[in-house]
Amino acid sequence: MYGDLTASEQTYVEGYVLNRINEAVDLTKFLKILMLKSLQVELETVNQLLETIQVSKQKYLDLYETNLIDQEMFKGRIKEFNDEMDKLMLRSDEIEEILQGCN
């Protein structure tokens, strides 16, 4: 099978090849774990940003209700908040879908 290799040389070659395969498999597992951890951190960050925006929206509502800001400013800021929340919720859904697919 190996041509002119001795039995010990064949054993060495087989061991070397198996070690290289194991290293590749271990690296693949490591990269998958790293990717999953990164996505989990990103998901936590997205959720925190969504909470922060919701608090800001409430503050602007309070300002508007007490006549400290006009309707035009209120509508503009609420639209900006809603647009940002839409983007973040879309990203959150994408991350959750990836995480569910990896389990």
PDB file of N, CA and C in Angstrom:
ATOM      1  N   MET A   1       0.815  -1.184   0.000  1.00  0.00           N
ATOM      2  CA  MET A   1       0.000   0.000   0.000  1.00  0.00           C
ATOM      3  C   MET A   1       0.864   1.256   0.000  1.00  0.00           C
ATOM      4  N   TYR A   2       1.958   1.284   0.711  1.00  0.00           N
ATOM      5  CA  TYR A   2       2.819   2.455   0.803  1.00  0.00           C
ATOM      6  C   TYR A   2       4.107   2.293  -0.004  1.00  0.00           C
ATOM      7  N   GLY A   3       4.146   1.373  -0.858  1.00  0.00           N
ATOM      8  CA  GLY A   3       5.340   1.186  -1.674  1.00  0.00           C
ATOM      9  C   GLY A   3       6.470   0.565  -0.880  1.00  0.00           C
ATOM     10  N   ASP A   4       7.599   1.251  -0.833  1.00  0.00           N
ATOM     11  CA  ASP A   4       8.802   0.715  -0.205  1.00  0.00           C
ATOM     12  C   ASP A   4       8.962   1.102   1.263  1.00  0.00           C
ATOM     13  N   LEU A   5       7.915   1.583   1.931  1.00  0.00           N
ATOM     14  CA  LEU A   5       8.032   1.980   3.332  1.00  0.00           C
ATOM     15  C   LEU A   5       8.058   0.751   4.236  1.00  0.00           C
ATOM     16  N   THR A   6       8.849   0.867   5.284  1.00  0.00           N
ATOM     17  CA  THR A   6       8.883  -0.203   6.286  1.00  0.00           C
ATOM     18  C   THR A   6       7.617  -0.100   7.133  1.00  0.00           C
ATOM     19  N   ALA A   7       7.385  -1.104   7.935  1.00  0.00           N
ATOM     20  CA  ALA A   7       6.208  -1.129   8.799  1.00  0.00           C
ATOM     21  C   ALA A   7       6.222   0.050   9.764  1.00  0.00           C
ATOM     22  N   SER A   8       7.378   0.383  10.333  1.00  0.00           N
ATOM     23  CA  SER A   8       7.454   1.507  11.267  1.00  0.00           C
ATOM     24  C   SER A   8       7.241   2.833  10.537  1.00  0.00           C
ATOM     25  N   GLU A   9       7.730   2.944   9.310  1.00  0.00           N
ATOM     26  CA  GLU A   9       7.514   4.168   8.535  1.00  0.00           C
ATOM     27  C   GLU A   9       6.027   4.307   8.187  1.00  0.00           C
ATOM     28  N   GLN A  10       5.397   3.191   7.868  1.00  0.00           N
ATOM     29  CA  GLN A  10       3.964   3.214   7.564  1.00  0.00           C
ATOM     30  C   GLN A  10       3.171   3.665   8.787  1.00  0.00           C
ATOM     31  N   THR A  11       3.550   3.138   9.958  1.00  0.00           N
ATOM     32  CA  THR A  11       2.884   3.503  11.199  1.00  0.00           C
ATOM     33  C   THR A  11       3.061   4.998  11.476  1.00  0.00           C
ATOM     34  N   TYR A  12       4.271   5.495  11.239  1.00  0.00           N
ATOM     35  CA  TYR A  12       4.549   6.918  11.442  1.00  0.00           C
ATOM     36  C   TYR A  12       3.688   7.770  10.514  1.00  0.00           C
ATOM     37  N   VAL A  13       3.617   7.411   9.244  1.00  0.00           N
ATOM     38  CA  VAL A  13       2.830   8.156   8.261  1.00  0.00           C
ATOM     39  C   VAL A  13       1.352   8.138   8.645  1.00  0.00           C
ATOM     40  N   GLU A  14       0.850   6.974   9.005  1.00  0.00           N
ATOM     41  CA  GLU A  14      -0.556   6.872   9.391  1.00  0.00           C
ATOM     42  C   GLU A  14      -0.847   7.733  10.622  1.00  0.00           C
ATOM     43  N   GLY A  15       0.042   7.668  11.600  1.00  0.00           N
ATOM     44  CA  GLY A  15      -0.114   8.485  12.807  1.00  0.00           C
ATOM     45  C   GLY A  15      -0.083   9.963  12.492  1.00  0.00           C
ATOM     46  N   TYR A  16       0.837  10.350  11.626  1.00  0.00           N
ATOM     47  CA  TYR A  16       0.959  11.756  11.237  1.00  0.00           C
ATOM     48  C   TYR A  16      -0.323  12.240  10.552  1.00  0.00           C
ATOM     49  N   VAL A  17      -0.829  11.446   9.628  1.00  0.00           N
ATOM     50  CA  VAL A  17      -2.048  11.813   8.899  1.00  0.00           C
ATOM     51  C   VAL A  17      -3.229  11.909   9.866  1.00  0.00           C
ATOM     52  N   LEU A  18      -3.353  10.955  10.779  1.00  0.00           N
ATOM     53  CA  LEU A  18      -4.449  10.991  11.753  1.00  0.00           C
ATOM     54  C   LEU A  18      -4.344  12.208  12.666  1.00  0.00           C
ATOM     55  N   ASN A  19      -3.135  12.550  13.077  1.00  0.00           N
ATOM     56  CA  ASN A  19      -2.942  13.741  13.916  1.00  0.00           C
ATOM     57  C   ASN A  19      -3.365  15.004  13.180  1.00  0.00           C
ATOM     58  N   ARG A  20      -2.996  15.104  11.901  1.00  0.00           N
ATOM     59  CA  ARG A  20      -3.368  16.280  11.098  1.00  0.00           C
ATOM     60  C   ARG A  20      -4.896  16.364  10.937  1.00  0.00           C
ATOM     61  N   ILE A  21      -5.533  15.231  10.741  1.00  0.00           N
ATOM     62  CA  ILE A  21      -6.997  15.213  10.626  1.00  0.00           C
ATOM     63  C   ILE A  21      -7.623  15.667  11.939  1.00  0.00           C
ATOM     64  N   ASN A  22      -7.113  15.161  13.057  1.00  0.00           N
ATOM     65  CA  ASN A  22      -7.633  15.555  14.372  1.00  0.00           C
ATOM     66  C   ASN A  22      -7.446  17.046  14.615  1.00  0.00           C
ATOM     67  N   GLU A  23      -6.295  17.586  14.218  1.00  0.00           N
ATOM     68  CA  GLU A  23      -6.054  19.020  14.384  1.00  0.00           C
ATOM     69  C   GLU A  23      -7.057  19.832  13.568  1.00  0.00           C
ATOM     70  N   ALA A  24      -7.348  19.394  12.359  1.00  0.00           N
ATOM     71  CA  ALA A  24      -8.311  20.100  11.512  1.00  0.00           C
ATOM     72  C   ALA A  24      -9.707  20.042  12.121  1.00  0.00           C
ATOM     73  N   VAL A  25     -10.090  18.894  12.645  1.00  0.00           N
ATOM     74  CA  VAL A  25     -11.397  18.746  13.273  1.00  0.00           C
ATOM     75  C   VAL A  25     -11.471  19.618  14.520  1.00  0.00           C
ATOM     76  N   ASP A  26     -10.430  19.623  15.338  1.00  0.00           N
ATOM     77  CA  ASP A  26     -10.397  20.456  16.538  1.00  0.00           C
ATOM     78  C   ASP A  26     -10.485  21.931  16.175  1.00  0.00           C
ATOM     79  N   LEU A  27      -9.802  22.349  15.132  1.00  0.00           N
ATOM     80  CA  LEU A  27      -9.846  23.741  14.699  1.00  0.00           C
ATOM     81  C   LEU A  27     -11.248  24.110  14.232  1.00  0.00           C
ATOM     82  N   THR A  28     -11.896  23.221  13.514  1.00  0.00           N
ATOM     83  CA  THR A  28     -13.255  23.471  13.053  1.00  0.00           C
ATOM     84  C   THR A  28     -14.197  23.628  14.240  1.00  0.00           C
ATOM     85  N   LYS A  29     -14.074  22.762  15.227  1.00  0.00           N
ATOM     86  CA  LYS A  29     -14.901  22.861  16.437  1.00  0.00           C
ATOM     87  C   LYS A  29     -14.639  24.174  17.153  1.00  0.00           C
ATOM     88  N   PHE A  30     -13.369  24.545  17.276  1.00  0.00           N
ATOM     89  CA  PHE A  30     -12.995  25.787  17.943  1.00  0.00           C
ATOM     90  C   PHE A  30     -13.601  26.992  17.227  1.00  0.00           C
ATOM     91  N   LEU A  31     -13.510  27.008  15.905  1.00  0.00           N
ATOM     92  CA  LEU A  31     -14.045  28.131  15.132  1.00  0.00           C
ATOM     93  C   LEU A  31     -15.567  28.217  15.267  1.00  0.00           C
ATOM     94  N   LYS A  32     -16.232  27.073  15.307  1.00  0.00           N
ATOM     95  CA  LYS A  32     -17.688  27.067  15.482  1.00  0.00           C
ATOM     96  C   LYS A  32     -18.055  27.615  16.853  1.00  0.00           C
ATOM     97  N   ILE A  33     -17.352  27.192  17.881  1.00  0.00           N
ATOM     98  CA  ILE A  33     -17.605  27.693  19.237  1.00  0.00           C
ATOM     99  C   ILE A  33     -17.357  29.189  19.298  1.00  0.00           C
ATOM    100  N   LEU A  34     -16.267  29.637  18.696  1.00  0.00           N
ATOM    101  CA  LEU A  34     -15.929  31.060  18.675  1.00  0.00           C
ATOM    102  C   LEU A  34     -17.022  31.859  17.968  1.00  0.00           C
ATOM    103  N   MET A  35     -17.508  31.370  16.842  1.00  0.00           N
ATOM    104  CA  MET A  35     -18.561  32.045  16.098  1.00  0.00           C
ATOM    105  C   MET A  35     -19.847  32.117  16.926  1.00  0.00           C
ATOM    106  N   LEU A  36     -20.194  31.022  17.586  1.00  0.00           N
ATOM    107  CA  LEU A  36     -21.412  31.002  18.392  1.00  0.00           C
ATOM    108  C   LEU A  36     -21.325  31.979  19.553  1.00  0.00           C
ATOM    109  N   LYS A  37     -20.174  32.018  20.221  1.00  0.00           N
ATOM    110  CA  LYS A  37     -19.983  32.954  21.338  1.00  0.00           C
ATOM    111  C   LYS A  37     -20.093  34.389  20.840  1.00  0.00           C
ATOM    112  N   SER A  38     -19.486  34.663  19.701  1.00  0.00           N
ATOM    113  CA  SER A  38     -19.535  36.000  19.119  1.00  0.00           C
ATOM    114  C   SER A  38     -20.969  36.406  18.800  1.00  0.00           C
ATOM    115  N   LEU A  39     -21.732  35.496  18.244  1.00  0.00           N
ATOM    116  CA  LEU A  39     -23.133  35.785  17.926  1.00  0.00           C
ATOM    117  C   LEU A  39     -23.962  35.991  19.190  1.00  0.00           C
ATOM    118  N   GLN A  40     -23.676  35.223  20.231  1.00  0.00           N
ATOM    119  CA  GLN A  40     -24.402  35.389  21.492  1.00  0.00           C
ATOM    120  C   GLN A  40     -24.125  36.760  22.101  1.00  0.00           C
ATOM    121  N   VAL A  41     -22.871  37.199  22.037  1.00  0.00           N
ATOM    122  CA  VAL A  41     -22.517  38.521  22.550  1.00  0.00           C
ATOM    123  C   VAL A  41     -23.205  39.607  21.721  1.00  0.00           C
ATOM    124  N   GLU A  42     -23.200  39.431  20.404  1.00  0.00           N
ATOM    125  CA  GLU A  42     -23.866  40.403  19.541  1.00  0.00           C
ATOM    126  C   GLU A  42     -25.361  40.461  19.846  1.00  0.00           C
ATOM    127  N   LEU A  43     -25.986  39.323  20.069  1.00  0.00           N
ATOM    128  CA  LEU A  43     -27.412  39.280  20.388  1.00  0.00           C
ATOM    129  C   LEU A  43     -27.695  40.018  21.698  1.00  0.00           C
ATOM    130  N   GLU A  44     -26.862  39.810  22.696  1.00  0.00           N
ATOM    131  CA  GLU A  44     -27.019  40.528  23.966  1.00  0.00           C
ATOM    132  C   GLU A  44     -26.896  42.035  23.755  1.00  0.00           C
ATOM    133  N   THR A  45     -25.937  42.440  22.943  1.00  0.00           N
ATOM    134  CA  THR A  45     -25.728  43.861  22.658  1.00  0.00           C
ATOM    135  C   THR A  45     -26.942  44.443  21.934  1.00  0.00           C
ATOM    136  N   VAL A  46     -27.453  43.730  20.953  1.00  0.00           N
ATOM    137  CA  VAL A  46     -28.635  44.184  20.217  1.00  0.00           C
ATOM    138  C   VAL A  46     -29.820  44.342  21.172  1.00  0.00           C
ATOM    139  N   ASN A  47     -30.019  43.380  22.057  1.00  0.00           N
ATOM    140  CA  ASN A  47     -31.122  43.454  23.007  1.00  0.00           C
ATOM    141  C   ASN A  47     -30.964  44.635  23.960  1.00  0.00           C
ATOM    142  N   GLN A  48     -29.740  44.904  24.391  1.00  0.00           N
ATOM    143  CA  GLN A  48     -29.492  46.057  25.256  1.00  0.00           C
ATOM    144  C   GLN A  48     -29.786  47.367  24.521  1.00  0.00           C
ATOM    145  N   LEU A  49     -29.386  47.436  23.259  1.00  0.00           N
ATOM    146  CA  LEU A  49     -29.662  48.633  22.459  1.00  0.00           C
ATOM    147  C   LEU A  49     -31.166  48.835  22.274  1.00  0.00           C
ATOM    148  N   LEU A  50     -31.890  47.751  22.052  1.00  0.00           N
ATOM    149  CA  LEU A  50     -33.346  47.855  21.923  1.00  0.00           C
ATOM    150  C   LEU A  50     -33.973  48.409  23.206  1.00  0.00           C
ATOM    151  N   GLU A  51     -33.494  47.947  24.339  1.00  0.00           N
ATOM    152  CA  GLU A  51     -34.002  48.449  25.624  1.00  0.00           C
ATOM    153  C   GLU A  51     -33.676  49.927  25.801  1.00  0.00           C
ATOM    154  N   THR A  52     -32.463  50.312  25.431  1.00  0.00           N
ATOM    155  CA  THR A  52     -32.038  51.707  25.552  1.00  0.00           C
ATOM    156  C   THR A  52     -32.896  52.614  24.672  1.00  0.00           C
ATOM    157  N   ILE A  53     -33.164  52.171  23.460  1.00  0.00           N
ATOM    158  CA  ILE A  53     -33.993  52.966  22.551  1.00  0.00           C
ATOM    159  C   ILE A  53     -35.413  53.086  23.094  1.00  0.00           C
ATOM    160  N   GLN A  54     -35.925  52.006  23.653  1.00  0.00           N
ATOM    161  CA  GLN A  54     -37.282  52.055  24.217  1.00  0.00           C
ATOM    162  C   GLN A  54     -37.350  53.073  25.355  1.00  0.00           C
ATOM    163  N   VAL A  55     -36.325  53.124  26.189  1.00  0.00           N
ATOM    164  CA  VAL A  55     -36.275  54.104  27.278  1.00  0.00           C
ATOM    165  C   VAL A  55     -36.223  55.518  26.696  1.00  0.00           C
ATOM    166  N   SER A  56     -35.426  55.715  25.666  1.00  0.00           N
ATOM    167  CA  SER A  56     -35.328  57.030  25.028  1.00  0.00           C
ATOM    168  C   SER A  56     -36.659  57.450  24.420  1.00  0.00           C
ATOM    169  N   LYS A  57     -37.353  56.509  23.788  1.00  0.00           N
ATOM    170  CA  LYS A  57     -38.668  56.821  23.232  1.00  0.00           C
ATOM    171  C   LYS A  57     -39.620  57.295  24.329  1.00  0.00           C
ATOM    172  N   GLN A  58     -39.575  56.624  25.464  1.00  0.00           N
ATOM    173  CA  GLN A  58     -40.447  57.007  26.567  1.00  0.00           C
ATOM    174  C   GLN A  58     -40.096  58.405  27.076  1.00  0.00           C
ATOM    175  N   LYS A  59     -38.808  58.728  27.130  1.00  0.00           N
ATOM    176  CA  LYS A  59     -38.383  60.061  27.569  1.00  0.00           C
ATOM    177  C   LYS A  59     -38.897  61.131  26.620  1.00  0.00           C
ATOM    178  N   TYR A  60     -38.826  60.859  25.309  1.00  0.00           N
ATOM    179  CA  TYR A  60     -39.340  61.824  24.345  1.00  0.00           C
ATOM    180  C   TYR A  60     -40.860  61.963  24.450  1.00  0.00           C
ATOM    181  N   LEU A  61     -41.548  60.875  24.730  1.00  0.00           N
ATOM    182  CA  LEU A  61     -42.983  60.945  24.931  1.00  0.00           C
ATOM    183  C   LEU A  61     -43.301  61.816  26.140  1.00  0.00           C
ATOM    184  N   ASP A  62     -42.556  61.625  27.211  1.00  0.00           N
ATOM    185  CA  ASP A  62     -42.749  62.441  28.412  1.00  0.00           C
ATOM    186  C   ASP A  62     -42.494  63.921  28.110  1.00  0.00           C
ATOM    187  N   LEU A  63     -41.430  64.211  27.359  1.00  0.00           N
ATOM    188  CA  LEU A  63     -41.123  65.598  26.995  1.00  0.00           C
ATOM    189  C   LEU A  63     -42.240  66.203  26.152  1.00  0.00           C
ATOM    190  N   TYR A  64     -42.748  65.423  25.233  1.00  0.00           N
ATOM    191  CA  TYR A  64     -43.826  65.908  24.360  1.00  0.00           C
ATOM    192  C   TYR A  64     -45.098  66.163  25.164  1.00  0.00           C
ATOM    193  N   GLU A  65     -45.425  65.242  26.065  1.00  0.00           N
ATOM    194  CA  GLU A  65     -46.648  65.379  26.865  1.00  0.00           C
ATOM    195  C   GLU A  65     -46.589  66.578  27.804  1.00  0.00           C
ATOM    196  N   THR A  66     -45.399  66.981  28.193  1.00  0.00           N
ATOM    197  CA  THR A  66     -45.253  68.141  29.079  1.00  0.00           C
ATOM    198  C   THR A  66     -44.936  69.407  28.288  1.00  0.00           C
ATOM    199  N   ASN A  67     -45.086  69.326  26.958  1.00  0.00           N
ATOM    200  CA  ASN A  67     -44.886  70.464  26.055  1.00  0.00           C
ATOM    201  C   ASN A  67     -43.468  71.040  26.097  1.00  0.00           C
ATOM    202  N   LEU A  68     -42.487  70.210  26.382  1.00  0.00           N
ATOM    203  CA  LEU A  68     -41.093  70.669  26.379  1.00  0.00           C
ATOM    204  C   LEU A  68     -40.446  70.536  25.004  1.00  0.00           C
ATOM    205  N   ILE A  69     -41.074  69.746  24.130  1.00  0.00           N
ATOM    206  CA  ILE A  69     -40.642  69.675  22.730  1.00  0.00           C
ATOM    207  C   ILE A  69     -41.884  69.746  21.851  1.00  0.00           C
ATOM    208  N   ASP A  70     -41.700  70.250  20.634  1.00  0.00           N
ATOM    209  CA  ASP A  70     -42.853  70.373  19.747  1.00  0.00           C
ATOM    210  C   ASP A  70     -43.137  69.057  19.023  1.00  0.00           C
ATOM    211  N   GLN A  71     -44.277  69.008  18.373  1.00  0.00           N
ATOM    212  CA  GLN A  71     -44.730  67.791  17.705  1.00  0.00           C
ATOM    213  C   GLN A  71     -43.784  67.376  16.584  1.00  0.00           C
ATOM    214  N   GLU A  72     -43.259  68.334  15.854  1.00  0.00           N
ATOM    215  CA  GLU A  72     -42.358  68.010  14.740  1.00  0.00           C
ATOM    216  C   GLU A  72     -41.092  67.310  15.242  1.00  0.00           C
ATOM    217  N   MET A  73     -40.503  67.843  16.300  1.00  0.00           N
ATOM    218  CA  MET A  73     -39.303  67.218  16.862  1.00  0.00           C
ATOM    219  C   MET A  73     -39.638  65.838  17.410  1.00  0.00           C
ATOM    220  N   PHE A  74     -40.769  65.739  18.088  1.00  0.00           N
ATOM    221  CA  PHE A  74     -41.192  64.454  18.651  1.00  0.00           C
ATOM    222  C   PHE A  74     -41.364  63.397  17.556  1.00  0.00           C
ATOM    223  N   LYS A  75     -42.097  63.742  16.510  1.00  0.00           N
ATOM    224  CA  LYS A  75     -42.325  62.792  15.422  1.00  0.00           C
ATOM    225  C   LYS A  75     -41.017  62.381  14.753  1.00  0.00           C
ATOM    226  N   GLY A  76     -40.125  63.342  14.546  1.00  0.00           N
ATOM    227  CA  GLY A  76     -38.839  63.042  13.914  1.00  0.00           C
ATOM    228  C   GLY A  76     -38.002  62.067  14.729  1.00  0.00           C
ATOM    229  N   ARG A  77     -37.917  62.331  16.014  1.00  0.00           N
ATOM    230  CA  ARG A  77     -37.108  61.452  16.890  1.00  0.00           C
ATOM    231  C   ARG A  77     -37.742  60.070  17.015  1.00  0.00           C
ATOM    232  N   ILE A  78     -39.059  60.015  17.148  1.00  0.00           N
ATOM    233  CA  ILE A  78     -39.733  58.717  17.266  1.00  0.00           C
ATOM    234  C   ILE A  78     -39.523  57.905  15.989  1.00  0.00           C
ATOM    235  N   LYS A  79     -39.585  58.567  14.828  1.00  0.00           N
ATOM    236  CA  LYS A  79     -39.339  57.861  13.569  1.00  0.00           C
ATOM    237  C   LYS A  79     -37.915  57.319  13.538  1.00  0.00           C
ATOM    238  N   GLU A  80     -36.935  58.124  13.960  1.00  0.00           N
ATOM    239  CA  GLU A  80     -35.540  57.653  14.004  1.00  0.00           C
ATOM    240  C   GLU A  80     -35.405  56.456  14.932  1.00  0.00           C
ATOM    241  N   PHE A  81     -36.022  56.545  16.099  1.00  0.00           N
ATOM    242  CA  PHE A  81     -35.977  55.430  17.048  1.00  0.00           C
ATOM    243  C   PHE A  81     -36.605  54.170  16.442  1.00  0.00           C
ATOM    244  N   ASN A  82     -37.766  54.326  15.821  1.00  0.00           N
ATOM    245  CA  ASN A  82     -38.455  53.171  15.238  1.00  0.00           C
ATOM    246  C   ASN A  82     -37.645  52.553  14.104  1.00  0.00           C
ATOM    247  N   ASP A  83     -37.037  53.393  13.275  1.00  0.00           N
ATOM    248  CA  ASP A  83     -36.205  52.879  12.182  1.00  0.00           C
ATOM    249  C   ASP A  83     -35.029  52.069  12.732  1.00  0.00           C
ATOM    250  N   GLU A  84     -34.378  52.602  13.756  1.00  0.00           N
ATOM    251  CA  GLU A  84     -33.243  51.901  14.359  1.00  0.00           C
ATOM    252  C   GLU A  84     -33.696  50.602  15.021  1.00  0.00           C
ATOM    253  N   MET A  85     -34.838  50.645  15.679  1.00  0.00           N
ATOM    254  CA  MET A  85     -35.353  49.429  16.319  1.00  0.00           C
ATOM    255  C   MET A  85     -35.681  48.365  15.275  1.00  0.00           C
ATOM    256  N   ASP A  86     -36.241  48.780  14.139  1.00  0.00           N
ATOM    257  CA  ASP A  86     -36.549  47.817  13.071  1.00  0.00           C
ATOM    258  C   ASP A  86     -35.277  47.114  12.599  1.00  0.00           C
ATOM    259  N   LYS A  87     -34.211  47.893  12.402  1.00  0.00           N
ATOM    260  CA  LYS A  87     -32.932  47.307  11.974  1.00  0.00           C
ATOM    261  C   LYS A  87     -32.400  46.331  13.019  1.00  0.00           C
ATOM    262  N   LEU A  88     -32.461  46.738  14.279  1.00  0.00           N
ATOM    263  CA  LEU A  88     -31.945  45.891  15.356  1.00  0.00           C
ATOM    264  C   LEU A  88     -32.773  44.621  15.519  1.00  0.00           C
ATOM    265  N   MET A  89     -34.077  44.737  15.391  1.00  0.00           N
ATOM    266  CA  MET A  89     -34.924  43.536  15.516  1.00  0.00           C
ATOM    267  C   MET A  89     -34.685  42.571  14.357  1.00  0.00           C
ATOM    268  N   LEU A  90     -34.449  43.119  13.170  1.00  0.00           N
ATOM    269  CA  LEU A  90     -34.122  42.267  12.026  1.00  0.00           C
ATOM    270  C   LEU A  90     -32.820  41.510  12.287  1.00  0.00           C
ATOM    271  N   ARG A  91     -31.812  42.228  12.791  1.00  0.00           N
ATOM    272  CA  ARG A  91     -30.530  41.577  13.094  1.00  0.00           C
ATOM    273  C   ARG A  91     -30.703  40.545  14.206  1.00  0.00           C
ATOM    274  N   SER A  92     -31.499  40.862  15.199  1.00  0.00           N
ATOM    275  CA  SER A  92     -31.758  39.922  16.291  1.00  0.00           C
ATOM    276  C   SER A  92     -32.388  38.637  15.751  1.00  0.00           C
ATOM    277  N   ASP A  93     -33.361  38.780  14.861  1.00  0.00           N
ATOM    278  CA  ASP A  93     -33.998  37.606  14.262  1.00  0.00           C
ATOM    279  C   ASP A  93     -32.988  36.778  13.463  1.00  0.00           C
ATOM    280  N   GLU A  94     -32.115  37.464  12.719  1.00  0.00           N
ATOM    281  CA  GLU A  94     -31.093  36.754  11.929  1.00  0.00           C
ATOM    282  C   GLU A  94     -30.168  35.951  12.849  1.00  0.00           C
ATOM    283  N   ILE A  95     -29.719  36.574  13.926  1.00  0.00           N
ATOM    284  CA  ILE A  95     -28.804  35.910  14.860  1.00  0.00           C
ATOM    285  C   ILE A  95     -29.492  34.704  15.496  1.00  0.00           C
ATOM    286  N   GLU A  96     -30.723  34.898  15.957  1.00  0.00           N
ATOM    287  CA  GLU A  96     -31.448  33.798  16.596  1.00  0.00           C
ATOM    288  C   GLU A  96     -31.636  32.629  15.635  1.00  0.00           C
ATOM    289  N   GLU A  97     -31.902  32.931  14.379  1.00  0.00           N
ATOM    290  CA  GLU A  97     -32.069  31.878  13.383  1.00  0.00           C
ATOM    291  C   GLU A  97     -30.770  31.100  13.198  1.00  0.00           C
ATOM    292  N   ILE A  98     -29.661  31.807  13.132  1.00  0.00           N
ATOM    293  CA  ILE A  98     -28.345  31.149  12.997  1.00  0.00           C
ATOM    294  C   ILE A  98     -28.075  30.279  14.221  1.00  0.00           C
ATOM    295  N   LEU A  99     -28.301  30.827  15.406  1.00  0.00           N
ATOM    296  CA  LEU A  99     -28.033  30.081  16.642  1.00  0.00           C
ATOM    297  C   LEU A  99     -28.904  28.832  16.731  1.00  0.00           C
ATOM    298  N   GLN A 100     -30.166  28.941  16.339  1.00  0.00           N
ATOM    299  CA  GLN A 100     -31.050  27.777  16.375  1.00  0.00           C
ATOM    300  C   GLN A 100     -30.608  26.719  15.379  1.00  0.00           C
ATOM    301  N   GLY A 101     -30.081  27.141  14.240  1.00  0.00           N
ATOM    302  CA  GLY A 101     -29.615  26.217  13.224  1.00  0.00           C
ATOM    303  C   GLY A 101     -28.339  25.479  13.624  1.00  0.00           C
ATOM    304  N   CYS A 102     -27.601  26.052  14.560  1.00  0.00           N
ATOM    305  CA  CYS A 102     -26.338  25.440  14.996  1.00  0.00           C
ATOM    306  C   CYS A 102     -26.530  24.474  16.151  1.00  0.00           C
ATOM    307  N   ASN A 103     -27.700  24.449  16.735  1.00  0.00           N
ATOM    308  CA  ASN A 103     -27.925  23.552  17.886  1.00  0.00           C
ATOM    309  C   ASN A 103     -28.432  22.225  17.467  1.00  0.00           C
TER     310      ASN A 103
END
